[in-house]
């Protein structure tokens, strides 16, 4: 066999070997790809590591930044940053979700507590005392007093708006646990809009809040400014009222003196009346039931048009050797005072005795020794005769409708009447 013939099988062998080598190479590439996929960033076959290596290579060869290679450098740096930030980004997202879930749970808990502890009448959280009926339904102090007053106006028994059981000051009691729980719930400051426990919110709004409304210290000499507390110092440094002329300040002081004089006239009048020779007073109890000697009975009566109206009246009592009666009415005998939010009481003094000559008197009503109703002292004057023995109805000088509801809701209203006879 010639040498040429001996070399003829070689191409076939090499071809077979080439086929086996290609398969082996493919298997090696697949294994390398799998290893790259399973390896971490420290593996040189990992894409992030490759990007970092490419960026390092560009740093080592600044001449590659010229031309199209600069775009490649920017792309490699972007891929490197994305790869390194993906882990920290996912961790931050997980932490944010956990914090958000916790805040949401606390918010939902507060909402549930609001719905559980709110007043069954006004559906708001109580601000002071909390009362409960015999079945445990809660009422804030304002709504509780209003329900009792409404029932008294309609001559009905007050009932719980939730379960319709009877309520009164003797049947209902305060719930101290609810009062403490409500005081710890957060509430928003009306000035700075921050959240504080309700127990310290009032002190914060009066003393600590930097956004609370404050008046200028020169208000007494006419400065009308009012604004947030944190602006007070700057305003007072620029306020022009301290530089007013003497004449301007005198005008302001004169006005202040006039207001003070009006206030002092009342007290001076009372002290002057105490020096009179004939003074009489009585403790007058306004009650809804005839329970003792001097009371005002709250009872209905019918007018000609058959509209039931309620009034108070005392039995006859003796002061200054004369017999008297006090009457009182609600909202000046308005047709339906229970439908009105603004409520007032007015009274009249009636002389039941016969007198030989006109009897000129000054009189005033003050709160009794066992009552907390707020009454401003007002002195009234009237000359009683046999033909004109009744005063007009005069307003009972209570400060607002809340105090009036307290009077209407109370079983006993203790008032003290002073009568001063003016000697000629």
Protein backbone atom coordinates (compact mmCIF):
# COMPACT_ATOMS: atom_id res chain seq x y z
CA UNK A 1 0.00 0.00 0.00
CA UNK A 2 1.30 3.31 -0.94
CA UNK A 3 1.82 6.15 1.45
CA UNK A 4 -1.02 8.02 -0.10
CA UNK A 5 -3.39 5.16 0.42
CA UNK A 6 -2.24 4.82 4.02
CA UNK A 7 -3.20 8.48 4.73
CA UNK A 8 -6.69 8.31 3.21
CA UNK A 9 -8.57 7.19 6.39
CA UNK A 10 -7.17 10.16 8.31
CA UNK A 11 -9.79 12.70 7.19
CA UNK A 12 -12.58 10.40 8.29
CA UNK A 13 -10.95 9.88 11.63
CA UNK A 14 -10.37 13.53 12.06
CA UNK A 15 -13.97 14.21 11.07
CA UNK A 16 -15.23 11.77 13.66
CA UNK A 17 -12.98 13.26 16.21
CA UNK A 18 -14.19 16.72 15.20
CA UNK A 19 -17.82 15.66 15.71
CA UNK A 20 -17.06 14.27 19.16
CA UNK A 21 -15.12 17.42 20.04
CA UNK A 22 -18.03 19.67 19.08
CA UNK A 23 -20.39 17.69 21.28
CA UNK A 24 -17.94 17.85 24.14
CA UNK A 25 -17.51 21.57 23.64
CA UNK A 26 -21.29 22.07 23.69
CA UNK A 27 -21.53 20.12 26.92
CA UNK A 28 -18.76 22.19 28.47
CA UNK A 29 -20.50 25.45 27.44
CA UNK A 30 -23.78 24.29 28.97
CA UNK A 31 -22.04 23.36 32.20
CA UNK A 32 -20.31 26.72 32.25
CA UNK A 33 -23.64 28.51 31.72
CA UNK A 34 -25.24 26.53 34.53
CA UNK A 35 -22.32 27.31 36.81
CA UNK A 36 -22.60 30.98 35.92
CA UNK A 37 -26.31 31.01 36.70
CA UNK A 38 -25.80 29.30 40.06
CA UNK A 39 -22.74 31.31 41.07
CA UNK A 40 -22.79 34.54 43.12
CA UNK A 41 -21.50 37.98 42.16
CA UNK A 42 -17.99 36.91 43.18
CA UNK A 43 -17.94 34.27 40.40
CA UNK A 44 -16.13 35.68 37.37
CA UNK A 45 -18.78 34.11 35.15
CA UNK A 46 -21.66 35.98 36.92
CA UNK A 47 -23.11 38.84 34.78
CA UNK A 48 -22.69 41.39 37.53
CA UNK A 49 -19.11 40.30 38.08
CA UNK A 50 -18.48 40.45 34.37
CA UNK A 51 -19.93 43.96 34.24
CA UNK A 52 -17.77 45.00 37.17
CA UNK A 53 -14.73 43.45 35.49
CA UNK A 54 -15.53 45.30 32.29
CA UNK A 55 -15.82 48.56 34.19
CA UNK A 56 -12.49 47.88 35.94
CA UNK A 57 -10.91 47.16 32.59
CA UNK A 58 -12.12 50.49 31.25
CA UNK A 59 -10.75 52.23 34.32
CA UNK A 60 -7.39 50.60 33.72
CA UNK A 61 -7.45 51.68 30.06
CA UNK A 62 -8.76 55.22 29.76
CA UNK A 63 -8.00 55.25 26.06
CA UNK A 64 -11.04 52.98 25.56
CA UNK A 65 -13.35 55.88 26.50
CA UNK A 66 -12.86 57.43 23.10
CA UNK A 67 -15.35 56.71 20.36
CA UNK A 68 -17.97 53.95 20.66
CA UNK A 69 -16.21 52.46 23.68
CA UNK A 70 -17.48 55.31 25.88
CA UNK A 71 -21.06 54.11 25.33
CA UNK A 72 -20.01 50.61 26.34
CA UNK A 73 -18.44 51.98 29.51
CA UNK A 74 -21.65 53.80 30.45
CA UNK A 75 -23.70 50.66 29.83
CA UNK A 76 -21.37 48.51 31.94
CA UNK A 77 -21.46 50.99 34.81
CA UNK A 78 -25.27 51.11 34.73
CA UNK A 79 -25.51 47.32 34.78
CA UNK A 80 -23.03 47.17 37.67
CA UNK A 81 -25.05 49.68 39.72
CA UNK A 82 -28.32 47.86 39.01
CA UNK A 83 -26.83 44.53 40.02
CA UNK A 84 -25.36 45.80 43.28
CA UNK A 85 -28.52 47.75 44.27
CA UNK A 86 -31.06 45.00 43.68
CA UNK A 87 -30.36 43.23 46.98
CA UNK A 88 -30.49 46.37 49.16
CA UNK A 89 -33.58 47.62 47.31
CA UNK A 90 -35.50 44.43 48.00
CA UNK A 91 -34.48 44.53 51.67
CA UNK A 92 -35.62 48.16 52.00
CA UNK A 93 -38.91 47.34 50.32
CA UNK A 94 -39.44 44.48 52.76
CA UNK A 95 -38.71 46.74 55.75
CA UNK A 96 -41.04 49.45 54.44
CA UNK A 97 -43.84 46.94 53.96
CA UNK A 98 -43.39 45.68 57.53
CA UNK A 99 -43.46 49.22 58.96
CA UNK A 100 -46.51 50.10 56.87
CA UNK A 101 -48.30 46.97 58.04
CA UNK A 102 -47.60 47.83 61.70
CA UNK A 103 -48.81 51.42 61.29
CA UNK A 104 -51.93 50.19 59.51
CA UNK A 105 -52.66 47.73 62.30
CA UNK A 106 -52.33 50.47 64.94
CA UNK A 107 -54.58 52.77 62.88
CA UNK A 108 -57.23 50.07 62.61
CA UNK A 109 -57.00 49.40 66.37
CA UNK A 110 -57.60 53.08 67.13
CA UNK A 111 -60.60 53.14 64.79
CA UNK A 112 -62.08 50.10 66.52
CA UNK A 113 -61.57 51.70 69.93
CA UNK A 114 -63.23 54.90 68.69
CA UNK A 115 -66.32 52.93 67.63
CA UNK A 116 -66.44 51.03 70.93
CA UNK A 117 -65.87 53.96 73.31
CA UNK A 118 -67.89 56.66 71.54
CA UNK A 119 -71.09 58.18 72.94
CA UNK A 120 -74.23 56.40 71.72
CA UNK A 121 -75.99 59.77 71.24
CA UNK A 122 -73.53 62.06 69.45
CA UNK A 123 -71.24 59.24 68.19
CA UNK A 124 -68.17 61.18 69.32
CA UNK A 125 -65.54 60.41 71.92
CA UNK A 126 -66.44 61.86 75.34
CA UNK A 127 -64.43 64.86 76.47
CA UNK A 128 -65.16 64.68 80.20
CA UNK A 129 -67.37 62.39 82.29
CA UNK A 130 -68.82 59.20 80.80
CA UNK A 131 -72.12 57.76 82.03
CA UNK A 132 -73.58 54.35 81.32
CA UNK A 133 -77.09 52.96 81.54
CA UNK A 134 -77.92 49.72 83.38
CA UNK A 135 -77.07 47.78 80.19
CA UNK A 136 -73.68 49.44 79.79
CA UNK A 137 -74.35 51.81 76.89
CA UNK A 138 -72.14 54.89 77.09
CA UNK A 139 -73.19 58.56 77.04
CA UNK A 140 -71.03 61.63 77.35
CA UNK A 141 -71.95 64.10 80.11
CA UNK A 142 -73.41 66.69 77.72
CA UNK A 143 -75.71 64.23 75.96
CA UNK A 144 -76.74 62.61 79.23
CA UNK A 145 -77.83 65.95 80.72
CA UNK A 146 -79.56 66.89 77.44
CA UNK A 147 -81.60 63.65 77.46
CA UNK A 148 -82.74 64.28 81.04
CA UNK A 149 -83.68 67.88 80.22
CA UNK A 150 -85.63 66.84 77.11
CA UNK A 151 -87.55 64.24 79.09
CA UNK A 152 -88.40 66.82 81.75
CA UNK A 153 -89.67 69.25 79.12
CA UNK A 154 -91.92 66.57 77.59
CA UNK A 155 -93.00 65.20 80.98
CA UNK A 156 -91.67 61.78 80.05
CA UNK A 157 -89.27 59.30 81.57
CA UNK A 158 -85.80 59.62 80.07
CA UNK A 159 -84.59 56.46 78.32
CA UNK A 160 -81.35 55.22 76.81
CA UNK A 161 -81.39 55.88 73.04
CA UNK A 162 -79.85 52.46 72.41
CA UNK A 163 -81.80 49.97 74.55
CA UNK A 164 -84.69 52.20 75.82
CA UNK A 165 -84.10 51.35 79.47
CA UNK A 166 -84.87 54.10 81.99
CA UNK A 167 -82.06 56.51 82.81
CA UNK A 168 -81.64 59.08 85.54
CA UNK A 169 -78.87 60.40 87.76
CA UNK A 170 -79.68 57.70 90.31
CA UNK A 171 -79.95 54.83 87.80
CA UNK A 172 -76.85 55.68 85.77
CA UNK A 173 -73.26 55.71 86.98
CA UNK A 174 -69.95 56.96 85.67
CA UNK A 175 -67.60 54.56 83.89
CA UNK A 176 -64.13 55.50 85.12
CA UNK A 177 -62.38 52.79 83.08
CA UNK A 178 -63.75 54.21 79.83
CA UNK A 179 -62.81 57.75 80.91
CA UNK A 180 -59.20 56.64 81.47
CA UNK A 181 -59.09 54.70 78.20
CA UNK A 182 -60.43 57.67 76.22
CA UNK A 183 -57.89 59.99 77.84
CA UNK A 184 -55.05 57.85 76.42
CA UNK A 185 -56.34 57.77 72.84
CA UNK A 186 -54.54 60.12 70.44
CA UNK A 187 -56.20 63.30 69.33
CA UNK A 188 -55.12 65.97 66.89
CA UNK A 189 -54.06 69.41 68.08
CA UNK A 190 -56.19 72.03 66.41
CA UNK A 191 -53.20 74.34 65.91
CA UNK A 192 -50.15 72.26 64.93
CA UNK A 193 -52.15 69.18 63.73
CA UNK A 194 -49.88 66.79 65.67
CA UNK A 195 -51.20 63.78 67.58
CA UNK A 196 -51.19 63.77 71.41
CA UNK A 197 -52.95 61.71 74.10
CA UNK A 198 -56.23 63.38 74.98
CA UNK A 199 -55.14 63.63 78.63
CA UNK A 200 -52.34 66.10 77.78
CA UNK A 201 -53.87 67.72 74.70
CA UNK A 202 -55.48 70.60 76.61
CA UNK A 203 -52.22 71.50 78.39
CA UNK A 204 -50.35 71.28 75.09
CA UNK A 205 -52.78 73.63 73.37
CA UNK A 206 -52.66 76.16 76.22
CA UNK A 207 -48.96 76.12 77.12
CA UNK A 208 -46.67 74.13 74.80
CA UNK A 209 -47.94 74.40 71.22
CA UNK A 210 -45.84 76.79 69.17
CA UNK A 211 -48.77 77.40 66.79
CA UNK A 212 -51.38 78.28 69.44
CA UNK A 213 -53.19 81.58 68.96
CA UNK A 214 -51.59 84.32 71.08
CA UNK A 215 -52.42 87.97 71.71
CA UNK A 216 -49.93 90.77 71.74
CA UNK A 217 -48.93 91.94 75.24
CA UNK A 218 -49.85 95.47 74.14
CA UNK A 219 -53.48 94.43 73.60
CA UNK A 220 -54.52 96.54 76.60
CA UNK A 221 -53.42 99.67 74.80
CA UNK A 222 -55.18 98.80 71.56
CA UNK A 223 -53.04 96.33 69.59
CA UNK A 224 -55.42 94.00 67.71
CA UNK A 225 -52.76 91.48 66.59
CA UNK A 226 -53.26 87.79 67.21
CA UNK A 227 -51.28 84.98 65.68
CA UNK A 228 -49.19 81.85 66.32
CA UNK A 229 -47.00 81.85 69.40
CA UNK A 230 -43.76 81.42 67.45
CA UNK A 231 -44.39 84.78 65.73
CA UNK A 232 -45.12 86.67 68.96
CA UNK A 233 -41.56 87.78 69.68
CA UNK A 234 -41.05 89.11 66.18
CA UNK A 235 -44.36 91.01 66.28
CA UNK A 236 -43.74 92.58 69.66
CA UNK A 237 -40.36 93.78 68.41
CA UNK A 238 -42.09 95.58 65.53
CA UNK A 239 -45.37 96.58 67.27
CA UNK A 240 -46.03 100.29 67.00
CA UNK A 241 -48.39 100.63 69.97
CA UNK A 242 -45.66 101.18 72.60
CA UNK A 243 -44.67 104.32 70.69
CA UNK A 244 -48.15 105.90 70.84
CA UNK A 245 -48.43 109.44 72.08
CA UNK A 246 -49.65 110.29 75.55
CA UNK A 247 -53.01 111.53 74.25
CA UNK A 248 -53.66 108.27 72.41
CA UNK A 249 -52.82 106.24 75.50
CA UNK A 250 -55.11 108.39 77.64
CA UNK A 251 -58.06 107.71 75.34
CA UNK A 252 -57.45 103.96 75.64
CA UNK A 253 -57.14 104.16 79.41
CA UNK A 254 -60.36 106.17 79.67
CA UNK A 255 -62.25 103.46 77.80
CA UNK A 256 -60.79 100.82 80.12
CA UNK A 257 -61.84 102.85 83.13
CA UNK A 258 -65.41 103.08 81.85
CA UNK A 259 -65.68 99.30 81.48
CA UNK A 260 -64.24 98.79 84.94
CA UNK A 261 -66.66 101.34 86.36
CA UNK A 262 -69.64 99.42 85.00
CA UNK A 263 -68.41 96.25 86.65
CA UNK A 264 -67.85 97.96 89.97
CA UNK A 265 -71.29 99.61 89.96
CA UNK A 266 -72.94 96.22 90.39
CA UNK A 267 -70.82 95.24 93.37
CA UNK A 268 -71.15 98.67 94.94
CA UNK A 269 -74.91 98.44 94.54
CA UNK A 270 -74.98 95.10 96.33
CA UNK A 271 -72.87 96.44 99.18
CA UNK A 272 -75.13 99.48 99.44
CA UNK A 273 -78.21 97.25 99.61
CA UNK A 274 -76.66 95.32 102.48
CA UNK A 275 -76.77 98.49 104.53
CA UNK A 276 -80.57 98.74 104.26
CA UNK A 277 -82.69 98.37 107.37
CA UNK A 278 -85.09 95.77 106.00
CA UNK A 279 -83.42 92.82 104.28
CA UNK A 280 -84.88 89.39 103.77
CA UNK A 281 -83.72 86.28 101.98
CA UNK A 282 -84.86 82.73 101.52
CA UNK A 283 -83.43 79.57 100.10
CA UNK A 284 -85.77 78.66 97.28
CA UNK A 285 -85.59 75.12 95.92
CA UNK A 286 -86.76 74.50 92.38
CA UNK A 287 -87.85 70.86 92.28
CA UNK A 288 -89.72 68.54 89.98
CA UNK A 289 -91.53 66.88 92.89
CA UNK A 290 -93.20 68.26 96.01
CA UNK A 291 -90.64 66.86 98.43
CA UNK A 292 -90.20 69.60 101.01
CA UNK A 293 -91.40 72.98 102.03
CA UNK A 294 -89.95 75.51 99.62
CA UNK A 295 -89.81 74.17 96.12
CA UNK A 296 -90.83 74.97 92.58
CA UNK A 297 -92.87 72.22 91.01
CA UNK A 298 -92.27 71.51 87.36
CA UNK A 299 -95.69 70.55 86.08
CA UNK A 300 -97.69 70.89 82.85
CA UNK A 301 -100.73 73.03 82.39
CA UNK A 302 -103.07 73.65 79.45
CA UNK A 303 -103.79 76.99 77.85
CA UNK A 304 -106.93 77.89 75.95
CA UNK A 305 -105.58 76.41 72.73
CA UNK A 306 -104.80 73.11 74.53
CA UNK A 307 -101.04 73.38 74.15
CA UNK A 308 -99.25 71.86 77.11
CA UNK A 309 -96.61 74.13 78.56
CA UNK A 310 -94.42 73.61 81.55
CA UNK A 311 -93.50 76.02 84.28
CA UNK A 312 -92.00 76.18 87.77
CA UNK A 313 -93.80 77.59 90.79
CA UNK A 314 -93.00 77.82 94.48
CA UNK A 315 -95.44 77.48 97.31
CA UNK A 316 -95.94 80.68 99.22
CA UNK A 317 -93.09 81.80 101.44
CA UNK A 318 -92.67 84.71 103.84
CA UNK A 319 -89.99 87.39 103.54
CA UNK A 320 -90.11 90.84 105.21
CA UNK A 321 -93.43 89.85 106.80
CA UNK A 322 -95.01 89.55 103.34
CA UNK A 323 -96.10 86.48 101.40
CA UNK A 324 -94.47 85.85 98.04
CA UNK A 325 -94.44 83.37 95.16
CA UNK A 326 -91.82 82.78 92.48
CA UNK A 327 -92.71 81.48 89.03
CA UNK A 328 -90.38 80.44 86.21
CA UNK A 329 -90.88 79.33 82.61
CA UNK A 330 -88.76 77.85 79.84
CA UNK A 331 -87.94 79.86 76.69
CA UNK A 332 -90.69 82.35 77.58
CA UNK A 333 -93.33 79.64 77.09
CA UNK A 334 -92.18 78.70 73.62
CA UNK A 335 -94.49 76.15 72.06
CA UNK A 336 -91.94 73.32 71.79
CA UNK A 337 -88.82 74.19 73.79
CA UNK A 338 -87.67 70.56 73.51
CA UNK A 339 -87.04 71.20 69.79
CA UNK A 340 -84.71 74.12 70.49
CA UNK A 341 -81.00 73.88 71.27
CA UNK A 342 -80.97 77.33 72.88
CA UNK A 343 -82.82 77.24 76.18
CA UNK A 344 -83.39 79.92 78.79
CA UNK A 345 -85.28 80.34 82.03
CA UNK A 346 -87.12 83.47 83.08
CA UNK A 347 -88.79 84.21 86.40
CA UNK A 348 -91.20 86.63 88.03
CA UNK A 349 -91.77 87.61 91.64
CA UNK A 350 -95.38 87.89 92.87
CA UNK A 351 -96.55 89.61 96.06
CA UNK A 352 -99.51 87.74 97.53
CA UNK A 353 -100.07 89.93 100.58
CA UNK A 354 -102.12 93.12 100.67
CA UNK A 355 -100.12 96.28 101.39
CA UNK A 356 -101.27 99.67 102.64
CA UNK A 357 -98.80 101.65 100.57
CA UNK A 358 -96.53 100.95 97.62
CA UNK A 359 -93.63 98.67 98.54
CA UNK A 360 -90.51 99.52 96.55
CA UNK A 361 -88.02 96.69 96.53
CA UNK A 362 -84.76 95.58 94.99
CA UNK A 363 -84.17 91.84 94.60
CA UNK A 364 -81.78 89.38 93.04
CA UNK A 365 -81.41 85.62 92.66
CA UNK A 366 -78.16 83.81 93.41
CA UNK A 367 -77.24 80.14 93.35
CA UNK A 368 -77.89 78.13 96.46
CA UNK A 369 -75.22 76.69 98.75
CA UNK A 370 -75.47 73.14 97.37
CA UNK A 371 -75.64 73.81 93.63
CA UNK A 372 -72.94 74.41 91.01
CA UNK A 373 -75.05 76.37 88.51
CA UNK A 374 -73.32 79.53 87.28
CA UNK A 375 -75.48 82.64 87.74
CA UNK A 376 -74.34 86.20 87.15
CA UNK A 377 -75.76 88.57 89.79
CA UNK A 378 -78.29 91.05 88.42
CA UNK A 379 -80.27 93.48 90.58
CA UNK A 380 -83.92 94.11 89.66
CA UNK A 381 -86.18 96.89 90.98
CA UNK A 382 -89.97 96.99 91.29
CA UNK A 383 -92.62 98.90 93.23
CA UNK A 384 -95.33 96.49 94.41
CA UNK A 385 -98.92 97.65 94.95
CA UNK A 386 -102.21 95.89 95.41
CA UNK A 387 -103.09 96.58 91.78
CA UNK A 388 -99.63 95.85 90.37
CA UNK A 389 -98.27 92.98 92.42
CA UNK A 390 -96.45 90.95 89.72
CA UNK A 391 -93.17 91.78 88.07
CA UNK A 392 -92.60 91.10 84.43
CA UNK A 393 -90.78 87.90 83.49
CA UNK A 394 -87.06 88.64 83.75
CA UNK A 395 -84.27 86.42 82.48
CA UNK A 396 -82.64 84.18 85.03
CA UNK A 397 -79.02 85.29 84.58
CA UNK A 398 -77.44 81.92 83.84
CA UNK A 399 -74.48 82.06 81.50
CA UNK A 400 -75.53 79.71 78.66
CA UNK A 401 -77.82 76.92 77.46
CA UNK A 402 -75.60 74.23 78.98
CA UNK A 403 -76.28 75.63 82.45
CA UNK A 404 -79.98 75.79 81.63
CA UNK A 405 -79.96 72.09 80.73
CA UNK A 406 -78.31 71.37 84.07
CA UNK A 407 -81.18 73.14 85.80
CA UNK A 408 -83.80 71.28 83.78
CA UNK A 409 -82.14 67.90 84.32
CA UNK A 410 -81.60 68.33 88.06
CA UNK A 411 -84.12 67.06 90.55
CA UNK A 412 -83.45 70.01 92.85
CA UNK A 413 -82.34 73.50 91.83
CA UNK A 414 -81.27 75.52 94.84
CA UNK A 415 -81.58 79.28 94.43
CA UNK A 416 -81.37 82.01 97.03
CA UNK A 417 -83.64 85.05 96.80
CA UNK A 418 -82.66 88.38 98.39
CA UNK A 419 -85.24 91.17 98.82
CA UNK A 420 -84.28 94.67 99.98
CA UNK A 421 -87.05 97.10 100.89
CA UNK A 422 -86.20 100.68 99.97
CA UNK A 423 -87.22 103.12 102.69
CA UNK A 424 -88.23 106.63 101.64
